[in-house]
Amino acid sequence: MLDPSALELPVLDPRCVRHLGEELDSPAGAHAFLGTYLELLPDRLAKVRNAVRGGDGDTAMDRALSLKVTSTMVGALQLAALAEAMEALVFRGDWAAAEPLLDVLAPAVAAVLKAGAVVVNGLLQP
């Protein structure tokens, strides 16, 4: 079940990108990671969707975990929380509850892509 507070989390927290840049000792590296994350995000969503709809537990778990971890790293906190919820549903094999969560993931991905473009294009100082 989705915790409604997950939808109140930031779509993209640029402080996380800054922090990643500090950890890497490379702000440019953090921005490059964010750019790559954004490029791969639609494909990540498609892979989660396909695995869930196909009832492939191992693949769905792998894709949900990957989405959660990478989203957390770049500060896509809302999407990370949704991916974590998907992870829990897949772990339990609750495909009936996982399917509607896909309908929540899609607009969350769109929001991250929009917010990420602002950061990547330098309109927001990360």
N, C-alpha and C. Protein backbone atom coordinates (compact mmCIF):
# COMPACT_ATOMS: atom_id res chain seq x y z
N MET A 1 0.84 -1.18 0.00
CA MET A 1 0.00 0.00 0.00
C MET A 1 0.89 1.24 0.00
N LEU A 2 0.44 2.24 -0.73
CA LEU A 2 1.20 3.48 -0.86
C LEU A 2 0.91 4.40 0.31
N ASP A 3 1.96 4.85 0.95
CA ASP A 3 1.83 5.85 2.01
C ASP A 3 1.56 7.19 1.33
N PRO A 4 0.41 7.82 1.62
CA PRO A 4 0.09 9.09 0.94
C PRO A 4 1.15 10.17 1.14
N SER A 5 1.91 10.10 2.21
CA SER A 5 2.95 11.11 2.43
C SER A 5 4.05 11.03 1.37
N ALA A 6 4.15 9.90 0.66
CA ALA A 6 5.16 9.78 -0.40
C ALA A 6 4.94 10.83 -1.48
N LEU A 7 3.68 11.17 -1.72
CA LEU A 7 3.36 12.14 -2.76
C LEU A 7 3.64 13.57 -2.33
N GLU A 8 3.96 13.76 -1.06
CA GLU A 8 4.30 15.08 -0.55
C GLU A 8 5.81 15.33 -0.56
N LEU A 9 6.59 14.32 -0.85
CA LEU A 9 8.05 14.46 -0.91
C LEU A 9 8.43 15.29 -2.13
N PRO A 10 9.62 15.90 -2.10
CA PRO A 10 10.06 16.69 -3.26
C PRO A 10 10.18 15.83 -4.52
N VAL A 11 9.78 16.41 -5.64
CA VAL A 11 9.95 15.74 -6.93
C VAL A 11 11.44 15.59 -7.21
N LEU A 12 12.19 16.66 -7.01
CA LEU A 12 13.64 16.63 -7.20
C LEU A 12 14.26 17.65 -6.26
N ASP A 13 15.10 17.18 -5.38
CA ASP A 13 15.77 18.05 -4.41
C ASP A 13 17.19 18.30 -4.91
N PRO A 14 17.47 19.51 -5.44
CA PRO A 14 18.80 19.78 -6.00
C PRO A 14 19.92 19.70 -4.96
N ARG A 15 19.58 19.76 -3.68
CA ARG A 15 20.62 19.61 -2.65
C ARG A 15 21.26 18.24 -2.73
N CYS A 16 20.50 17.24 -3.15
CA CYS A 16 21.06 15.89 -3.27
C CYS A 16 22.09 15.83 -4.39
N VAL A 17 21.85 16.55 -5.47
CA VAL A 17 22.84 16.60 -6.56
C VAL A 17 24.10 17.30 -6.08
N ARG A 18 23.91 18.39 -5.33
CA ARG A 18 25.08 19.08 -4.75
C ARG A 18 25.86 18.14 -3.84
N HIS A 19 25.14 17.41 -2.99
CA HIS A 19 25.79 16.50 -2.05
C HIS A 19 26.53 15.40 -2.81
N LEU A 20 25.90 14.87 -3.86
CA LEU A 20 26.57 13.85 -4.67
C LEU A 20 27.84 14.42 -5.29
N GLY A 21 27.78 15.67 -5.75
CA GLY A 21 28.97 16.33 -6.31
C GLY A 21 30.08 16.47 -5.29
N GLU A 22 29.70 16.75 -4.04
CA GLU A 22 30.70 16.85 -2.97
C GLU A 22 31.31 15.48 -2.68
N GLU A 23 30.46 14.45 -2.64
CA GLU A 23 30.97 13.09 -2.39
C GLU A 23 31.92 12.63 -3.49
N LEU A 24 31.58 12.99 -4.72
CA LEU A 24 32.41 12.61 -5.86
C LEU A 24 33.60 13.55 -6.05
N ASP A 25 33.58 14.66 -5.31
CA ASP A 25 34.54 15.74 -5.50
C ASP A 25 34.51 16.22 -6.94
N SER A 26 33.27 16.22 -7.50
CA SER A 26 33.09 16.63 -8.88
C SER A 26 31.64 17.05 -9.12
N PRO A 27 31.35 18.34 -8.98
CA PRO A 27 30.00 18.79 -9.32
C PRO A 27 29.61 18.43 -10.76
N ALA A 28 30.57 18.52 -11.67
CA ALA A 28 30.28 18.17 -13.06
C ALA A 28 29.92 16.69 -13.19
N GLY A 29 30.58 15.86 -12.41
CA GLY A 29 30.27 14.43 -12.41
C GLY A 29 28.87 14.15 -11.91
N ALA A 30 28.45 14.90 -10.89
CA ALA A 30 27.10 14.74 -10.35
C ALA A 30 26.07 15.18 -11.38
N HIS A 31 26.34 16.28 -12.07
CA HIS A 31 25.41 16.73 -13.10
C HIS A 31 25.36 15.74 -14.26
N ALA A 32 26.49 15.16 -14.60
CA ALA A 32 26.52 14.14 -15.66
C ALA A 32 25.71 12.92 -15.24
N PHE A 33 25.85 12.52 -13.97
CA PHE A 33 25.08 11.39 -13.46
C PHE A 33 23.59 11.69 -13.55
N LEU A 34 23.20 12.91 -13.15
CA LEU A 34 21.80 13.32 -13.24
C LEU A 34 21.32 13.27 -14.68
N GLY A 35 22.13 13.77 -15.59
CA GLY A 35 21.76 13.75 -17.00
C GLY A 35 21.55 12.34 -17.52
N THR A 36 22.44 11.44 -17.16
CA THR A 36 22.30 10.05 -17.58
C THR A 36 21.07 9.41 -16.94
N TYR A 37 20.86 9.69 -15.67
CA TYR A 37 19.67 9.19 -14.96
C TYR A 37 18.41 9.62 -15.70
N LEU A 38 18.34 10.90 -16.08
CA LEU A 38 17.15 11.40 -16.77
C LEU A 38 16.98 10.75 -18.13
N GLU A 39 18.07 10.53 -18.84
CA GLU A 39 18.00 9.86 -20.15
C GLU A 39 17.45 8.45 -20.03
N LEU A 40 17.86 7.75 -18.98
CA LEU A 40 17.48 6.34 -18.80
C LEU A 40 16.14 6.17 -18.10
N LEU A 41 15.60 7.23 -17.53
CA LEU A 41 14.41 7.12 -16.70
C LEU A 41 13.19 6.56 -17.44
N PRO A 42 12.88 7.01 -18.64
CA PRO A 42 11.72 6.42 -19.33
C PRO A 42 11.88 4.91 -19.56
N ASP A 43 13.08 4.50 -19.89
CA ASP A 43 13.34 3.07 -20.09
C ASP A 43 13.22 2.30 -18.77
N ARG A 44 13.68 2.89 -17.68
CA ARG A 44 13.55 2.24 -16.38
C ARG A 44 12.08 2.02 -16.03
N LEU A 45 11.26 3.03 -16.29
CA LEU A 45 9.83 2.90 -16.03
C LEU A 45 9.23 1.79 -16.89
N ALA A 46 9.59 1.76 -18.16
CA ALA A 46 9.07 0.73 -19.06
C ALA A 46 9.45 -0.67 -18.58
N LYS A 47 10.67 -0.81 -18.08
CA LYS A 47 11.11 -2.12 -17.62
C LYS A 47 10.39 -2.54 -16.34
N VAL A 48 10.14 -1.59 -15.45
CA VAL A 48 9.35 -1.91 -14.25
C VAL A 48 7.95 -2.32 -14.69
N ARG A 49 7.35 -1.52 -15.56
CA ARG A 49 5.99 -1.80 -16.04
C ARG A 49 5.89 -3.19 -16.67
N ASN A 50 6.82 -3.50 -17.55
CA ASN A 50 6.78 -4.79 -18.24
C ASN A 50 6.96 -5.95 -17.27
N ALA A 51 7.85 -5.80 -16.32
CA ALA A 51 8.09 -6.87 -15.35
C ALA A 51 6.88 -7.08 -14.45
N VAL A 52 6.27 -5.99 -14.00
CA VAL A 52 5.09 -6.10 -13.14
C VAL A 52 3.94 -6.72 -13.91
N ARG A 53 3.69 -6.21 -15.09
CA ARG A 53 2.57 -6.73 -15.89
C ARG A 53 2.79 -8.17 -16.31
N GLY A 54 4.05 -8.57 -16.43
CA GLY A 54 4.37 -9.95 -16.77
C GLY A 54 4.46 -10.86 -15.55
N GLY A 55 4.32 -10.30 -14.36
CA GLY A 55 4.41 -11.11 -13.14
C GLY A 55 5.79 -11.70 -12.91
N ASP A 56 6.82 -11.04 -13.44
CA ASP A 56 8.20 -11.51 -13.30
C ASP A 56 8.80 -10.91 -12.03
N GLY A 57 8.70 -11.66 -10.93
CA GLY A 57 9.12 -11.16 -9.63
C GLY A 57 10.58 -10.76 -9.55
N ASP A 58 11.46 -11.59 -10.08
CA ASP A 58 12.89 -11.28 -9.99
C ASP A 58 13.25 -10.01 -10.75
N THR A 59 12.75 -9.90 -11.97
CA THR A 59 13.04 -8.72 -12.77
C THR A 59 12.37 -7.48 -12.19
N ALA A 60 11.13 -7.62 -11.75
CA ALA A 60 10.42 -6.48 -11.15
C ALA A 60 11.15 -5.99 -9.91
N MET A 61 11.64 -6.91 -9.10
CA MET A 61 12.38 -6.51 -7.90
C MET A 61 13.67 -5.79 -8.28
N ASP A 62 14.40 -6.34 -9.24
CA ASP A 62 15.64 -5.71 -9.69
C ASP A 62 15.38 -4.31 -10.23
N ARG A 63 14.36 -4.15 -11.03
CA ARG A 63 14.05 -2.85 -11.64
C ARG A 63 13.55 -1.85 -10.59
N ALA A 64 12.73 -2.31 -9.66
CA ALA A 64 12.23 -1.41 -8.60
C ALA A 64 13.38 -0.95 -7.71
N LEU A 65 14.27 -1.87 -7.36
CA LEU A 65 15.43 -1.51 -6.53
C LEU A 65 16.33 -0.51 -7.26
N SER A 66 16.58 -0.76 -8.53
CA SER A 66 17.43 0.14 -9.32
C SER A 66 16.81 1.52 -9.40
N LEU A 67 15.50 1.57 -9.64
CA LEU A 67 14.82 2.86 -9.71
C LEU A 67 14.87 3.58 -8.36
N LYS A 68 14.69 2.83 -7.28
CA LYS A 68 14.73 3.44 -5.94
C LYS A 68 16.10 4.01 -5.62
N VAL A 69 17.13 3.25 -5.86
CA VAL A 69 18.49 3.67 -5.49
C VAL A 69 18.95 4.85 -6.33
N THR A 70 18.78 4.78 -7.64
CA THR A 70 19.24 5.88 -8.47
C THR A 70 18.42 7.14 -8.23
N SER A 71 17.13 6.98 -7.99
CA SER A 71 16.28 8.14 -7.70
C SER A 71 16.70 8.80 -6.39
N THR A 72 17.04 7.99 -5.41
CA THR A 72 17.51 8.54 -4.13
C THR A 72 18.81 9.31 -4.33
N MET A 73 19.70 8.77 -5.13
CA MET A 73 21.01 9.42 -5.34
C MET A 73 20.88 10.81 -5.94
N VAL A 74 19.91 10.99 -6.85
CA VAL A 74 19.78 12.30 -7.50
C VAL A 74 18.78 13.21 -6.80
N GLY A 75 18.11 12.68 -5.77
CA GLY A 75 17.17 13.51 -5.03
C GLY A 75 15.75 13.48 -5.55
N ALA A 76 15.43 12.49 -6.37
CA ALA A 76 14.05 12.30 -6.84
C ALA A 76 13.31 11.52 -5.74
N LEU A 77 13.05 12.20 -4.64
CA LEU A 77 12.61 11.55 -3.42
C LEU A 77 11.21 10.97 -3.52
N GLN A 78 10.32 11.66 -4.20
CA GLN A 78 8.96 11.15 -4.39
C GLN A 78 9.01 9.85 -5.20
N LEU A 79 9.75 9.87 -6.29
CA LEU A 79 9.86 8.68 -7.14
C LEU A 79 10.56 7.54 -6.39
N ALA A 80 11.56 7.86 -5.59
CA ALA A 80 12.24 6.84 -4.79
C ALA A 80 11.27 6.17 -3.82
N ALA A 81 10.39 6.97 -3.21
CA ALA A 81 9.41 6.41 -2.27
C ALA A 81 8.40 5.53 -3.01
N LEU A 82 8.00 5.94 -4.19
CA LEU A 82 7.08 5.13 -4.98
C LEU A 82 7.74 3.82 -5.41
N ALA A 83 9.00 3.89 -5.79
CA ALA A 83 9.73 2.68 -6.17
C ALA A 83 9.88 1.75 -4.97
N GLU A 84 10.08 2.33 -3.79
CA GLU A 84 10.17 1.52 -2.58
C GLU A 84 8.83 0.83 -2.29
N ALA A 85 7.73 1.54 -2.52
CA ALA A 85 6.41 0.93 -2.35
C ALA A 85 6.23 -0.22 -3.34
N MET A 86 6.68 -0.02 -4.58
CA MET A 86 6.60 -1.08 -5.58
C MET A 86 7.45 -2.27 -5.17
N GLU A 87 8.62 -1.99 -4.64
CA GLU A 87 9.51 -3.05 -4.17
C GLU A 87 8.80 -3.92 -3.12
N ALA A 88 8.12 -3.29 -2.18
CA ALA A 88 7.42 -4.03 -1.12
C ALA A 88 6.29 -4.88 -1.71
N LEU A 89 5.56 -4.33 -2.67
CA LEU A 89 4.47 -5.08 -3.28
C LEU A 89 5.00 -6.28 -4.07
N VAL A 90 6.07 -6.07 -4.79
CA VAL A 90 6.67 -7.16 -5.55
C VAL A 90 7.20 -8.23 -4.61
N PHE A 91 7.82 -7.82 -3.52
CA PHE A 91 8.34 -8.77 -2.54
C PHE A 91 7.23 -9.68 -2.02
N ARG A 92 6.06 -9.09 -1.79
CA ARG A 92 4.91 -9.87 -1.30
C ARG A 92 4.19 -10.61 -2.41
N GLY A 93 4.54 -10.30 -3.65
CA GLY A 93 3.85 -10.91 -4.79
C GLY A 93 2.44 -10.37 -4.96
N ASP A 94 2.22 -9.15 -4.52
CA ASP A 94 0.90 -8.53 -4.57
C ASP A 94 0.74 -7.79 -5.91
N TRP A 95 0.57 -8.56 -6.97
CA TRP A 95 0.49 -7.99 -8.32
C TRP A 95 -0.76 -7.14 -8.49
N ALA A 96 -1.84 -7.50 -7.80
CA ALA A 96 -3.08 -6.72 -7.91
C ALA A 96 -2.89 -5.29 -7.39
N ALA A 97 -2.08 -5.11 -6.38
CA ALA A 97 -1.80 -3.77 -5.85
C ALA A 97 -0.67 -3.09 -6.62
N ALA A 98 0.23 -3.87 -7.20
CA ALA A 98 1.36 -3.30 -7.94
C ALA A 98 0.89 -2.65 -9.24
N GLU A 99 -0.08 -3.24 -9.88
CA GLU A 99 -0.56 -2.71 -11.17
C GLU A 99 -1.05 -1.26 -11.05
N PRO A 100 -1.91 -0.91 -10.10
CA PRO A 100 -2.35 0.49 -10.01
C PRO A 100 -1.22 1.46 -9.65
N LEU A 101 -0.21 0.96 -8.96
CA LEU A 101 0.93 1.82 -8.62
C LEU A 101 1.68 2.27 -9.87
N LEU A 102 1.62 1.46 -10.92
CA LEU A 102 2.24 1.86 -12.19
C LEU A 102 1.62 3.15 -12.70
N ASP A 103 0.31 3.34 -12.45
CA ASP A 103 -0.37 4.55 -12.89
C ASP A 103 0.07 5.78 -12.10
N VAL A 104 0.64 5.57 -10.94
CA VAL A 104 1.17 6.66 -10.12
C VAL A 104 2.63 6.94 -10.50
N LEU A 105 3.35 5.87 -10.86
CA LEU A 105 4.75 6.01 -11.24
C LEU A 105 4.92 6.86 -12.50
N ALA A 106 4.06 6.67 -13.48
CA ALA A 106 4.22 7.36 -14.77
C ALA A 106 4.21 8.88 -14.62
N PRO A 107 3.23 9.50 -13.94
CA PRO A 107 3.29 10.95 -13.79
C PRO A 107 4.44 11.41 -12.89
N ALA A 108 4.85 10.55 -11.95
CA ALA A 108 6.00 10.90 -11.11
C ALA A 108 7.27 10.97 -11.95
N VAL A 109 7.42 10.04 -12.87
CA VAL A 109 8.57 10.07 -13.78
C VAL A 109 8.53 11.33 -14.64
N ALA A 110 7.36 11.67 -15.16
CA ALA A 110 7.22 12.88 -15.98
C ALA A 110 7.61 14.13 -15.19
N ALA A 111 7.22 14.18 -13.94
CA ALA A 111 7.55 15.33 -13.09
C ALA A 111 9.06 15.41 -12.85
N VAL A 112 9.70 14.27 -12.64
CA VAL A 112 11.15 14.26 -12.43
C VAL A 112 11.86 14.72 -13.71
N LEU A 113 11.40 14.25 -14.84
CA LEU A 113 12.02 14.66 -16.11
C LEU A 113 11.92 16.17 -16.30
N LYS A 114 10.78 16.73 -15.97
CA LYS A 114 10.60 18.18 -16.11
C LYS A 114 11.50 18.94 -15.13
N ALA A 115 11.49 18.52 -13.87
CA ALA A 115 12.33 19.20 -12.86
C ALA A 115 13.81 18.99 -13.16
N GLY A 116 14.17 17.82 -13.62
CA GLY A 116 15.57 17.53 -13.94
C GLY A 116 16.09 18.36 -15.08
N ALA A 117 15.23 18.62 -16.06
CA ALA A 117 15.65 19.45 -17.19
C ALA A 117 16.02 20.85 -16.71
N VAL A 118 15.31 21.34 -15.72
CA VAL A 118 15.61 22.67 -15.17
C VAL A 118 17.00 22.67 -14.54
N VAL A 119 17.29 21.64 -13.78
CA VAL A 119 18.60 21.55 -13.12
C VAL A 119 19.71 21.38 -14.16
N VAL A 120 19.52 20.44 -15.07
CA VAL A 120 20.54 20.15 -16.07
C VAL A 120 20.81 21.36 -16.96
N ASN A 121 19.78 22.11 -17.26
CA ASN A 121 19.95 23.29 -18.12
C ASN A 121 20.44 24.50 -17.37
N GLY A 122 20.70 24.34 -16.08
CA GLY A 122 21.30 25.41 -15.31
C GLY A 122 20.35 26.53 -14.92
N LEU A 123 19.06 26.30 -15.04
CA LEU A 123 18.10 27.34 -14.66
C LEU A 123 17.92 27.41 -13.16
N LEU A 124 18.35 26.35 -12.49
CA LEU A 124 18.28 26.29 -11.03
C LEU A 124 19.69 25.97 -10.56
N GLN A 125 20.20 26.74 -9.66
CA GLN A 125 21.56 26.49 -9.17
C GLN A 125 21.53 25.28 -8.24
N PRO A 126 22.13 24.17 -8.65
CA PRO A 126 22.13 22.98 -7.78
C PRO A 126 23.07 23.15 -6.61
